All heavy atoms as atom14 arrays in JSON, in Angstrom:
{
  "sequence": "GWFRQAPGKEREVVSCISSNGGSTRYTESVKGRFTISRDNAKKTAYLQ",
  "atom14_mask": [
    [1, 1, 1, 1, 0, 0, 0, 0, 0, 0, 0, 0, 0, 0],
    [1, 1, 1, 1, 1, 1, 1, 1, 1, 1, 1, 1, 1, 1],
    [1, 1, 1, 1, 1, 1, 1, 1, 1, 1, 1, 0, 0, 0],
    [1, 1, 1, 1, 1, 1, 1, 1, 1, 1, 1, 0, 0, 0],
    [1, 1, 1, 1, 1, 1, 1, 1, 1, 0, 0, 0, 0, 0],
    [1, 1, 1, 1, 1, 0, 0, 0, 0, 0, 0, 0, 0, 0],
    [1, 1, 1, 1, 1, 1, 1, 0, 0, 0, 0, 0, 0, 0],
    [1, 1, 1, 1, 0, 0, 0, 0, 0, 0, 0, 0, 0, 0],
    [1, 1, 1, 1, 1, 1, 1, 1, 1, 0, 0, 0, 0, 0],
    [1, 1, 1, 1, 1, 1, 1, 1, 1, 0, 0, 0, 0, 0],
    [1, 1, 1, 1, 1, 1, 1, 1, 1, 1, 1, 0, 0, 0],
    [1, 1, 1, 1, 1, 1, 1, 1, 1, 0, 0, 0, 0, 0],
    [1, 1, 1, 1, 1, 1, 1, 0, 0, 0, 0, 0, 0, 0],
    [1, 1, 1, 1, 1, 1, 1, 0, 0, 0, 0, 0, 0, 0],
    [1, 1, 1, 1, 1, 1, 0, 0, 0, 0, 0, 0, 0, 0],
    [1, 1, 1, 1, 1, 1, 0, 0, 0, 0, 0, 0, 0, 0],
    [1, 1, 1, 1, 1, 1, 1, 1, 0, 0, 0, 0, 0, 0],
    [1, 1, 1, 1, 1, 1, 0, 0, 0, 0, 0, 0, 0, 0],
    [1, 1, 1, 1, 1, 1, 0, 0, 0, 0, 0, 0, 0, 0],
    [1, 1, 1, 1, 1, 1, 1, 1, 0, 0, 0, 0, 0, 0],
    [1, 1, 1, 1, 0, 0, 0, 0, 0, 0, 0, 0, 0, 0],
    [1, 1, 1, 1, 0, 0, 0, 0, 0, 0, 0, 0, 0, 0],
    [1, 1, 1, 1, 1, 1, 0, 0, 0, 0, 0, 0, 0, 0],
    [1, 1, 1, 1, 1, 1, 1, 0, 0, 0, 0, 0, 0, 0],
    [1, 1, 1, 1, 1, 1, 1, 1, 1, 1, 1, 0, 0, 0],
    [1, 1, 1, 1, 1, 1, 1, 1, 1, 1, 1, 1, 0, 0],
    [1, 1, 1, 1, 1, 1, 1, 0, 0, 0, 0, 0, 0, 0],
    [1, 1, 1, 1, 1, 1, 1, 1, 1, 0, 0, 0, 0, 0],
    [1, 1, 1, 1, 1, 1, 0, 0, 0, 0, 0, 0, 0, 0],
    [1, 1, 1, 1, 1, 1, 1, 0, 0, 0, 0, 0, 0, 0],
    [1, 1, 1, 1, 1, 1, 1, 1, 1, 0, 0, 0, 0, 0],
    [1, 1, 1, 1, 0, 0, 0, 0, 0, 0, 0, 0, 0, 0],
    [1, 1, 1, 1, 1, 1, 1, 1, 1, 1, 1, 0, 0, 0],
    [1, 1, 1, 1, 1, 1, 1, 1, 1, 1, 1, 0, 0, 0],
    [1, 1, 1, 1, 1, 1, 1, 0, 0, 0, 0, 0, 0, 0],
    [1, 1, 1, 1, 1, 1, 1, 1, 0, 0, 0, 0, 0, 0],
    [1, 1, 1, 1, 1, 1, 0, 0, 0, 0, 0, 0, 0, 0],
    [1, 1, 1, 1, 1, 1, 1, 1, 1, 1, 1, 0, 0, 0],
    [1, 1, 1, 1, 1, 1, 1, 1, 0, 0, 0, 0, 0, 0],
    [1, 1, 1, 1, 1, 1, 1, 1, 0, 0, 0, 0, 0, 0],
    [1, 1, 1, 1, 1, 0, 0, 0, 0, 0, 0, 0, 0, 0],
    [1, 1, 1, 1, 1, 1, 1, 1, 1, 0, 0, 0, 0, 0],
    [1, 1, 1, 1, 1, 1, 1, 1, 1, 0, 0, 0, 0, 0],
    [1, 1, 1, 1, 1, 1, 1, 0, 0, 0, 0, 0, 0, 0],
    [1, 1, 1, 1, 1, 0, 0, 0, 0, 0, 0, 0, 0, 0],
    [1, 1, 1, 1, 1, 1, 1, 1, 1, 1, 1, 1, 0, 0],
    [1, 1, 1, 1, 1, 1, 1, 1, 0, 0, 0, 0, 0, 0],
    [1, 1, 1, 1, 1, 1, 1, 1, 1, 0, 0, 0, 0, 0]
  ],
  "atom14_positions": [
    [[264.83, -69.58, -109.25], [265.57, -68.57, -109.99], [265.39, -67.19, -109.4], [264.35, -66.9, -108.79], [0.0, 0.0, 0.0], [0.0, 0.0, 0.0], [0.0, 0.0, 0.0], [0.0, 0.0, 0.0], [0.0, 0.0, 0.0], [0.0, 0.0, 0.0], [0.0, 0.0, 0.0], [0.0, 0.0, 0.0], [0.0, 0.0, 0.0], [0.0, 0.0, 0.0]],
    [[266.4, -66.38, -109.55], [266.31, -64.96, -109.22], [266.29, -64.17, -110.53], [267.08, -64.44, -111.44], [267.49, -64.51, -108.37], [267.41, -64.91, -106.93], [267.97, -65.99, -106.33], [266.72, -64.2, -105.9], [267.68, -66.01, -105.0], [266.9, -64.92, -104.7], [265.96, -63.03, -105.85], [266.38, -64.51, -103.49], [265.43, -62.62, -104.65], [265.63, -63.35, -103.48]],
    [[265.41, -63.2, -110.57], [265.23, -62.34, -111.74], [265.24, -60.9, -111.26], [265.04, -60.62, -110.08], [263.9, -62.65, -112.43], [263.78, -64.08, -112.88], [263.47, -65.09, -111.98], [263.97, -64.42, -114.21], [263.37, -66.41, -112.39], [263.87, -65.74, -114.63], [263.57, -66.74, -113.71], [0.0, 0.0, 0.0], [0.0, 0.0, 0.0], [0.0, 0.0, 0.0]],
    [[265.47, -59.98, -112.18], [265.39, -58.57, -111.83], [264.8, -57.77, -112.98], [264.9, -58.16, -114.14], [266.76, -58.02, -111.44], [267.78, -57.97, -112.58], [269.13, -57.5, -112.05], [270.13, -57.45, -113.1], [271.41, -57.17, -112.9], [271.86, -56.92, -111.66], [272.25, -57.13, -113.91], [0.0, 0.0, 0.0], [0.0, 0.0, 0.0], [0.0, 0.0, 0.0]],
    [[264.18, -56.68, -112.6], [263.62, -55.78, -113.59], [263.95, -54.35, -113.19], [263.51, -53.88, -112.14], [262.11, -55.95, -113.73], [261.52, -55.14, -114.86], [260.11, -55.56, -115.22], [259.41, -56.21, -114.43], [259.68, -55.23, -116.42], [0.0, 0.0, 0.0], [0.0, 0.0, 0.0], [0.0, 0.0, 0.0], [0.0, 0.0, 0.0], [0.0, 0.0, 0.0]],
    [[264.74, -53.71, -114.02], [265.1, -52.32, -113.78], [264.02, -51.42, -114.35], [263.29, -51.82, -115.27], [266.45, -52.02, -114.43], [0.0, 0.0, 0.0], [0.0, 0.0, 0.0], [0.0, 0.0, 0.0], [0.0, 0.0, 0.0], [0.0, 0.0, 0.0], [0.0, 0.0, 0.0], [0.0, 0.0, 0.0], [0.0, 0.0, 0.0], [0.0, 0.0, 0.0]],
    [[263.91, -50.21, -113.85], [262.89, -49.29, -114.36], [263.02, -49.1, -115.87], [264.11, -48.82, -116.38], [263.2, -47.99, -113.61], [263.87, -48.43, -112.36], [264.67, -49.64, -112.73], [0.0, 0.0, 0.0], [0.0, 0.0, 0.0], [0.0, 0.0, 0.0], [0.0, 0.0, 0.0], [0.0, 0.0, 0.0], [0.0, 0.0, 0.0], [0.0, 0.0, 0.0]],
    [[261.92, -49.3, -116.57], [261.91, -49.09, -118.0], [262.54, -50.18, -118.83], [262.68, -50.05, -120.05], [0.0, 0.0, 0.0], [0.0, 0.0, 0.0], [0.0, 0.0, 0.0], [0.0, 0.0, 0.0], [0.0, 0.0, 0.0], [0.0, 0.0, 0.0], [0.0, 0.0, 0.0], [0.0, 0.0, 0.0], [0.0, 0.0, 0.0], [0.0, 0.0, 0.0]],
    [[262.93, -51.27, -118.17], [263.58, -52.36, -118.88], [262.8, -53.66, -118.7], [261.97, -53.79, -117.81], [265.01, -52.53, -118.39], [265.91, -51.36, -118.71], [267.36, -51.67, -118.36], [268.28, -50.52, -118.76], [269.71, -50.82, -118.46], [0.0, 0.0, 0.0], [0.0, 0.0, 0.0], [0.0, 0.0, 0.0], [0.0, 0.0, 0.0], [0.0, 0.0, 0.0]],
    [[263.11, -54.62, -119.53], [262.48, -55.92, -119.42], [263.1, -56.72, -118.27], [264.25, -56.51, -117.9], [262.64, -56.7, -120.73], [261.86, -56.11, -121.89], [261.88, -57.0, -123.13], [262.55, -58.04, -123.09], [261.23, -56.64, -124.11], [0.0, 0.0, 0.0], [0.0, 0.0, 0.0], [0.0, 0.0, 0.0], [0.0, 0.0, 0.0], [0.0, 0.0, 0.0]],
    [[262.32, -57.62, -117.75], [262.82, -58.52, -116.71], [263.92, -59.4, -117.29], [263.83, -59.86, -118.43], [261.68, -59.38, -116.18], [262.04, -60.27, -115.02], [260.85, -61.1, -114.62], [260.42, -61.96, -115.71], [259.2, -62.5, -115.81], [258.3, -62.25, -114.91], [258.91, -63.28, -116.84], [0.0, 0.0, 0.0], [0.0, 0.0, 0.0], [0.0, 0.0, 0.0]],
    [[264.94, -59.65, -116.49], [266.02, -60.54, -116.93], [266.34, -61.53, -115.82], [266.2, -61.24, -114.63], [267.28, -59.74, -117.29], [267.89, -58.98, -116.13], [269.24, -58.36, -116.47], [269.85, -58.75, -117.48], [269.7, -57.49, -115.7], [0.0, 0.0, 0.0], [0.0, 0.0, 0.0], [0.0, 0.0, 0.0], [0.0, 0.0, 0.0], [0.0, 0.0, 0.0]],
    [[266.8, -62.7, -116.24], [267.2, -63.7, -115.26], [268.59, -63.35, -114.73], [269.42, -62.8, -115.45], [267.17, -65.11, -115.88], [268.19, -65.25, -116.99], [267.35, -66.17, -114.81], [0.0, 0.0, 0.0], [0.0, 0.0, 0.0], [0.0, 0.0, 0.0], [0.0, 0.0, 0.0], [0.0, 0.0, 0.0], [0.0, 0.0, 0.0], [0.0, 0.0, 0.0]],
    [[268.8, -63.64, -113.47], [270.07, -63.35, -112.83], [270.81, -64.64, -112.49], [271.98, -64.8, -112.81], [269.85, -62.51, -111.56], [271.15, -62.37, -110.78], [269.28, -61.15, -111.9], [0.0, 0.0, 0.0], [0.0, 0.0, 0.0], [0.0, 0.0, 0.0], [0.0, 0.0, 0.0], [0.0, 0.0, 0.0], [0.0, 0.0, 0.0], [0.0, 0.0, 0.0]],
    [[270.11, -65.55, -111.83], [270.75, -66.76, -111.36], [269.71, -67.82, -111.07], [268.56, -67.49, -110.75], [271.57, -66.48, -110.08], [272.25, -67.63, -109.64], [0.0, 0.0, 0.0], [0.0, 0.0, 0.0], [0.0, 0.0, 0.0], [0.0, 0.0, 0.0], [0.0, 0.0, 0.0], [0.0, 0.0, 0.0], [0.0, 0.0, 0.0], [0.0, 0.0, 0.0]],
    [[270.12, -69.09, -111.16], [269.21, -70.19, -110.89], [269.92, -71.28, -110.1], [271.14, -71.44, -110.22], [268.69, -70.79, -112.2], [267.86, -69.6, -113.27], [0.0, 0.0, 0.0], [0.0, 0.0, 0.0], [0.0, 0.0, 0.0], [0.0, 0.0, 0.0], [0.0, 0.0, 0.0], [0.0, 0.0, 0.0], [0.0, 0.0, 0.0], [0.0, 0.0, 0.0]],
    [[269.15, -72.03, -109.33], [269.72, -73.1, -108.53], [268.81, -74.32, -108.58], [267.58, -74.18, -108.57], [269.96, -72.62, -107.08], [270.75, -73.65, -106.28], [268.64, -72.26, -106.38], [271.29, -73.1, -104.95], [0.0, 0.0, 0.0], [0.0, 0.0, 0.0], [0.0, 0.0, 0.0], [0.0, 0.0, 0.0], [0.0, 0.0, 0.0], [0.0, 0.0, 0.0]],
    [[269.42, -75.48, -108.67], [268.64, -76.71, -108.74], [267.99, -77.02, -107.39], [268.32, -76.41, -106.37], [269.54, -77.87, -109.16], [270.6, -78.03, -108.24], [0.0, 0.0, 0.0], [0.0, 0.0, 0.0], [0.0, 0.0, 0.0], [0.0, 0.0, 0.0], [0.0, 0.0, 0.0], [0.0, 0.0, 0.0], [0.0, 0.0, 0.0], [0.0, 0.0, 0.0]],
    [[267.1, -77.98, -107.4], [266.31, -78.28, -106.21], [267.16, -78.68, -105.01], [266.85, -78.32, -103.88], [265.28, -79.37, -106.51], [265.92, -80.54, -106.98], [0.0, 0.0, 0.0], [0.0, 0.0, 0.0], [0.0, 0.0, 0.0], [0.0, 0.0, 0.0], [0.0, 0.0, 0.0], [0.0, 0.0, 0.0], [0.0, 0.0, 0.0], [0.0, 0.0, 0.0]],
    [[268.25, -79.4, -105.27], [269.1, -79.83, -104.15], [270.29, -78.9, -103.92], [271.14, -79.15, -103.08], [269.6, -81.26, -104.36], [270.52, -81.39, -105.56], [270.83, -80.43, -106.25], [270.95, -82.62, -105.82], [0.0, 0.0, 0.0], [0.0, 0.0, 0.0], [0.0, 0.0, 0.0], [0.0, 0.0, 0.0], [0.0, 0.0, 0.0], [0.0, 0.0, 0.0]],
    [[270.35, -77.84, -104.7], [271.43, -76.87, -104.54], [272.73, -77.28, -105.21], [273.72, -76.54, -105.13], [0.0, 0.0, 0.0], [0.0, 0.0, 0.0], [0.0, 0.0, 0.0], [0.0, 0.0, 0.0], [0.0, 0.0, 0.0], [0.0, 0.0, 0.0], [0.0, 0.0, 0.0], [0.0, 0.0, 0.0], [0.0, 0.0, 0.0], [0.0, 0.0, 0.0]],
    [[272.73, -78.41, -105.89], [273.97, -78.92, -106.44], [274.43, -78.25, -107.73], [275.6, -78.32, -108.08], [0.0, 0.0, 0.0], [0.0, 0.0, 0.0], [0.0, 0.0, 0.0], [0.0, 0.0, 0.0], [0.0, 0.0, 0.0], [0.0, 0.0, 0.0], [0.0, 0.0, 0.0], [0.0, 0.0, 0.0], [0.0, 0.0, 0.0], [0.0, 0.0, 0.0]],
    [[273.51, -77.59, -108.4], [273.86, -76.92, -109.66], [273.36, -75.49, -109.63], [272.26, -75.22, -109.14], [273.23, -77.65, -110.85], [273.75, -78.97, -110.96], [0.0, 0.0, 0.0], [0.0, 0.0, 0.0], [0.0, 0.0, 0.0], [0.0, 0.0, 0.0], [0.0, 0.0, 0.0], [0.0, 0.0, 0.0], [0.0, 0.0, 0.0], [0.0, 0.0, 0.0]],
    [[274.18, -74.61, -110.18], [273.81, -73.2, -110.25], [274.16, -72.63, -111.62], [275.02, -73.17, -112.34], [274.53, -72.37, -109.18], [275.95, -72.5, -109.36], [274.15, -72.82, -107.78], [0.0, 0.0, 0.0], [0.0, 0.0, 0.0], [0.0, 0.0, 0.0], [0.0, 0.0, 0.0], [0.0, 0.0, 0.0], [0.0, 0.0, 0.0], [0.0, 0.0, 0.0]],
    [[273.5, -71.56, -111.96], [273.81, -70.83, -113.19], [273.7, -69.34, -112.91], [272.9, -68.91, -112.07], [272.85, -71.24, -114.31], [273.19, -72.59, -114.92], [272.36, -72.89, -116.14], [272.81, -74.12, -116.76], [273.58, -74.17, -117.84], [273.97, -73.06, -118.41], [273.95, -75.32, -118.34], [0.0, 0.0, 0.0], [0.0, 0.0, 0.0], [0.0, 0.0, 0.0]],
    [[274.5, -68.56, -113.65], [274.49, -67.12, -113.5], [274.51, -66.47, -114.87], [275.16, -66.95, -115.8], [275.73, -66.64, -112.73], [275.82, -67.18, -111.33], [276.47, -68.37, -111.05], [275.25, -66.48, -110.26], [276.55, -68.87, -109.76], [275.33, -66.97, -108.96], [275.98, -68.17, -108.72], [276.05, -68.65, -107.45], [0.0, 0.0, 0.0], [0.0, 0.0, 0.0]],
    [[273.83, -65.34, -114.97], [273.97, -64.57, -116.18], [275.35, -63.93, -116.18], [275.93, -63.65, -115.12], [272.85, -63.52, -116.27], [272.78, -63.0, -117.59], [273.09, -62.37, -115.31], [0.0, 0.0, 0.0], [0.0, 0.0, 0.0], [0.0, 0.0, 0.0], [0.0, 0.0, 0.0], [0.0, 0.0, 0.0], [0.0, 0.0, 0.0], [0.0, 0.0, 0.0]],
    [[275.9, -63.72, -117.36], [277.3, -63.32, -117.49], [277.62, -62.05, -116.7], [278.69, -61.94, -116.1], [277.64, -63.13, -118.96], [279.13, -63.07, -119.26], [279.84, -64.37, -118.96], [279.23, -65.45, -119.12], [281.01, -64.31, -118.53], [0.0, 0.0, 0.0], [0.0, 0.0, 0.0], [0.0, 0.0, 0.0], [0.0, 0.0, 0.0], [0.0, 0.0, 0.0]],
    [[276.71, -61.1, -116.68], [277.0, -59.79, -116.09], [277.15, -59.82, -114.57], [277.64, -58.86, -113.98], [275.9, -58.8, -116.47], [274.65, -59.22, -115.96], [0.0, 0.0, 0.0], [0.0, 0.0, 0.0], [0.0, 0.0, 0.0], [0.0, 0.0, 0.0], [0.0, 0.0, 0.0], [0.0, 0.0, 0.0], [0.0, 0.0, 0.0], [0.0, 0.0, 0.0]],
    [[276.73, -60.92, -113.93], [276.81, -60.97, -112.47], [277.79, -62.01, -111.96], [278.0, -62.13, -110.75], [275.42, -61.22, -111.84], [274.41, -60.21, -112.36], [274.94, -62.64, -112.09], [0.0, 0.0, 0.0], [0.0, 0.0, 0.0], [0.0, 0.0, 0.0], [0.0, 0.0, 0.0], [0.0, 0.0, 0.0], [0.0, 0.0, 0.0], [0.0, 0.0, 0.0]],
    [[278.39, -62.75, -112.85], [279.33, -63.79, -112.43], [280.47, -63.17, -111.62], [281.03, -62.15, -111.98], [279.89, -64.52, -113.65], [278.93, -65.51, -114.26], [279.57, -66.23, -115.44], [278.6, -67.24, -116.04], [279.18, -67.92, -117.23], [0.0, 0.0, 0.0], [0.0, 0.0, 0.0], [0.0, 0.0, 0.0], [0.0, 0.0, 0.0], [0.0, 0.0, 0.0]],
    [[280.79, -63.82, -110.53], [281.85, -63.33, -109.67], [281.39, -62.36, -108.61], [282.11, -62.08, -107.65], [0.0, 0.0, 0.0], [0.0, 0.0, 0.0], [0.0, 0.0, 0.0], [0.0, 0.0, 0.0], [0.0, 0.0, 0.0], [0.0, 0.0, 0.0], [0.0, 0.0, 0.0], [0.0, 0.0, 0.0], [0.0, 0.0, 0.0], [0.0, 0.0, 0.0]],
    [[280.19, -61.81, -108.76], [279.67, -60.86, -107.77], [278.44, -61.4, -107.04], [278.19, -61.04, -105.9], [279.3, -59.54, -108.44], [280.45, -58.82, -109.1], [280.07, -57.4, -109.49], [278.98, -57.38, -110.47], [277.81, -56.8, -110.26], [277.55, -56.18, -109.12], [276.87, -56.81, -111.22], [0.0, 0.0, 0.0], [0.0, 0.0, 0.0], [0.0, 0.0, 0.0]],
    [[277.66, -62.23, -107.71], [276.42, -62.77, -107.14], [276.64, -64.25, -106.8], [277.3, -64.98, -107.54], [275.27, -62.68, -108.14], [274.74, -61.29, -108.37], [275.52, -60.16, -108.2], [273.43, -61.11, -108.79], [275.02, -58.89, -108.42], [272.91, -59.85, -109.03], [273.71, -58.74, -108.85], [0.0, 0.0, 0.0], [0.0, 0.0, 0.0], [0.0, 0.0, 0.0]],
    [[276.06, -64.67, -105.69], [276.09, -66.07, -105.31], [274.7, -66.51, -104.88], [274.12, -65.91, -103.97], [277.08, -66.32, -104.15], [278.38, -65.87, -104.52], [277.14, -67.81, -103.82], [0.0, 0.0, 0.0], [0.0, 0.0, 0.0], [0.0, 0.0, 0.0], [0.0, 0.0, 0.0], [0.0, 0.0, 0.0], [0.0, 0.0, 0.0], [0.0, 0.0, 0.0]],
    [[274.2, -67.53, -105.54], [272.9, -68.08, -105.18], [273.1, -69.3, -104.29], [274.07, -70.06, -104.46], [272.09, -68.44, -106.45], [270.64, -68.75, -106.11], [272.76, -69.6, -107.19], [269.75, -68.91, -107.34], [0.0, 0.0, 0.0], [0.0, 0.0, 0.0], [0.0, 0.0, 0.0], [0.0, 0.0, 0.0], [0.0, 0.0, 0.0], [0.0, 0.0, 0.0]],
    [[272.22, -69.47, -103.34], [272.28, -70.63, -102.46], [270.88, -70.91, -101.94], [269.95, -70.12, -102.18], [273.25, -70.38, -101.29], [272.81, -69.29, -100.5], [0.0, 0.0, 0.0], [0.0, 0.0, 0.0], [0.0, 0.0, 0.0], [0.0, 0.0, 0.0], [0.0, 0.0, 0.0], [0.0, 0.0, 0.0], [0.0, 0.0, 0.0], [0.0, 0.0, 0.0]],
    [[270.74, -72.01, -101.25], [269.43, -72.33, -100.68], [269.61, -73.2, -99.45], [270.61, -73.91, -99.31], [268.53, -73.03, -101.7], [269.02, -74.38, -102.16], [268.21, -74.9, -103.37], [266.81, -75.16, -102.99], [265.82, -75.3, -103.89], [266.08, -75.17, -105.19], [264.6, -75.56, -103.48], [0.0, 0.0, 0.0], [0.0, 0.0, 0.0], [0.0, 0.0, 0.0]],
    [[268.63, -73.13, -98.57], [268.58, -73.97, -97.38], [267.17, -74.55, -97.35], [266.23, -73.87, -96.91], [268.88, -73.13, -96.14], [268.91, -73.97, -94.86], [268.36, -75.08, -94.86], [269.49, -73.49, -93.87], [0.0, 0.0, 0.0], [0.0, 0.0, 0.0], [0.0, 0.0, 0.0], [0.0, 0.0, 0.0], [0.0, 0.0, 0.0], [0.0, 0.0, 0.0]],
    [[267.03, -75.76, -97.83], [265.7, -76.35, -97.93], [265.07, -76.57, -96.56], [263.84, -76.54, -96.44], [265.75, -77.64, -98.72], [265.9, -77.4, -100.22], [265.67, -76.29, -100.7], [266.31, -78.42, -100.94], [0.0, 0.0, 0.0], [0.0, 0.0, 0.0], [0.0, 0.0, 0.0], [0.0, 0.0, 0.0], [0.0, 0.0, 0.0], [0.0, 0.0, 0.0]],
    [[265.88, -76.79, -95.55], [265.33, -76.95, -94.2], [264.64, -75.68, -93.74], [263.66, -75.73, -92.98], [266.44, -77.34, -93.23], [0.0, 0.0, 0.0], [0.0, 0.0, 0.0], [0.0, 0.0, 0.0], [0.0, 0.0, 0.0], [0.0, 0.0, 0.0], [0.0, 0.0, 0.0], [0.0, 0.0, 0.0], [0.0, 0.0, 0.0], [0.0, 0.0, 0.0]],
    [[265.13, -74.54, -94.21], [264.54, -73.25, -93.87], [263.58, -72.77, -94.95], [263.04, -71.66, -94.85], [265.62, -72.21, -93.63], [266.5, -72.5, -92.43], [267.52, -71.4, -92.22], [268.35, -71.67, -90.97], [269.38, -70.62, -90.74], [0.0, 0.0, 0.0], [0.0, 0.0, 0.0], [0.0, 0.0, 0.0], [0.0, 0.0, 0.0], [0.0, 0.0, 0.0]],
    [[263.43, -73.57, -96.01], [262.54, -73.21, -97.13], [262.92, -71.85, -97.71], [262.06, -71.07, -98.1], [261.07, -73.21, -96.68], [260.59, -74.54, -96.15], [259.13, -74.49, -95.74], [258.66, -75.84, -95.24], [257.23, -75.83, -94.85], [0.0, 0.0, 0.0], [0.0, 0.0, 0.0], [0.0, 0.0, 0.0], [0.0, 0.0, 0.0], [0.0, 0.0, 0.0]],
    [[264.2, -71.6, -97.79], [264.68, -70.28, -98.18], [265.8, -70.38, -99.21], [266.68, -71.23, -99.1], [265.19, -69.52, -96.95], [264.15, -69.44, -95.97], [265.63, -68.11, -97.32], [0.0, 0.0, 0.0], [0.0, 0.0, 0.0], [0.0, 0.0, 0.0], [0.0, 0.0, 0.0], [0.0, 0.0, 0.0], [0.0, 0.0, 0.0], [0.0, 0.0, 0.0]],
    [[265.73, -69.5, -100.18], [266.81, -69.31, -101.13], [267.41, -67.93, -100.91], [266.72, -67.01, -100.44], [266.32, -69.45, -102.56], [0.0, 0.0, 0.0], [0.0, 0.0, 0.0], [0.0, 0.0, 0.0], [0.0, 0.0, 0.0], [0.0, 0.0, 0.0], [0.0, 0.0, 0.0], [0.0, 0.0, 0.0], [0.0, 0.0, 0.0], [0.0, 0.0, 0.0]],
    [[268.68, -67.81, -101.26], [269.38, -66.55, -101.02], [270.08, -66.09, -102.29], [270.44, -66.88, -103.15], [270.44, -66.74, -99.92], [269.9, -67.27, -98.62], [269.97, -68.63, -98.33], [269.33, -66.42, -97.68], [269.47, -69.14, -97.14], [268.83, -66.93, -96.48], [268.91, -68.28, -96.23], [268.42, -68.78, -95.04], [0.0, 0.0, 0.0], [0.0, 0.0, 0.0]],
    [[270.27, -64.79, -102.36], [271.11, -64.22, -103.4], [272.04, -63.22, -102.72], [271.59, -62.17, -102.28], [270.29, -63.53, -104.48], [271.08, -63.06, -105.7], [271.61, -64.25, -106.49], [270.23, -62.17, -106.6], [0.0, 0.0, 0.0], [0.0, 0.0, 0.0], [0.0, 0.0, 0.0], [0.0, 0.0, 0.0], [0.0, 0.0, 0.0], [0.0, 0.0, 0.0]],
    [[273.3, -63.61, -102.62], [274.31, -62.72, -102.05], [274.84, -61.86, -103.19], [275.3, -62.39, -104.21], [275.44, -63.53, -101.43], [276.58, -62.68, -100.88], [276.21, -61.89, -99.65], [275.5, -62.39, -98.78], [276.68, -60.65, -99.56], [0.0, 0.0, 0.0], [0.0, 0.0, 0.0], [0.0, 0.0, 0.0], [0.0, 0.0, 0.0], [0.0, 0.0, 0.0]]
  ]
}
């Protein structure tokens, strides 16, 4: 999962991705602008 915390605010979840990358979820405020992905061969997750 990707989370964010703005100054003076509580941490909030942004997006999550399943282990195989087949399922994703986004918080409403970022839908259409944020894209989560992962490359397990590179042991890396991304947030565009």
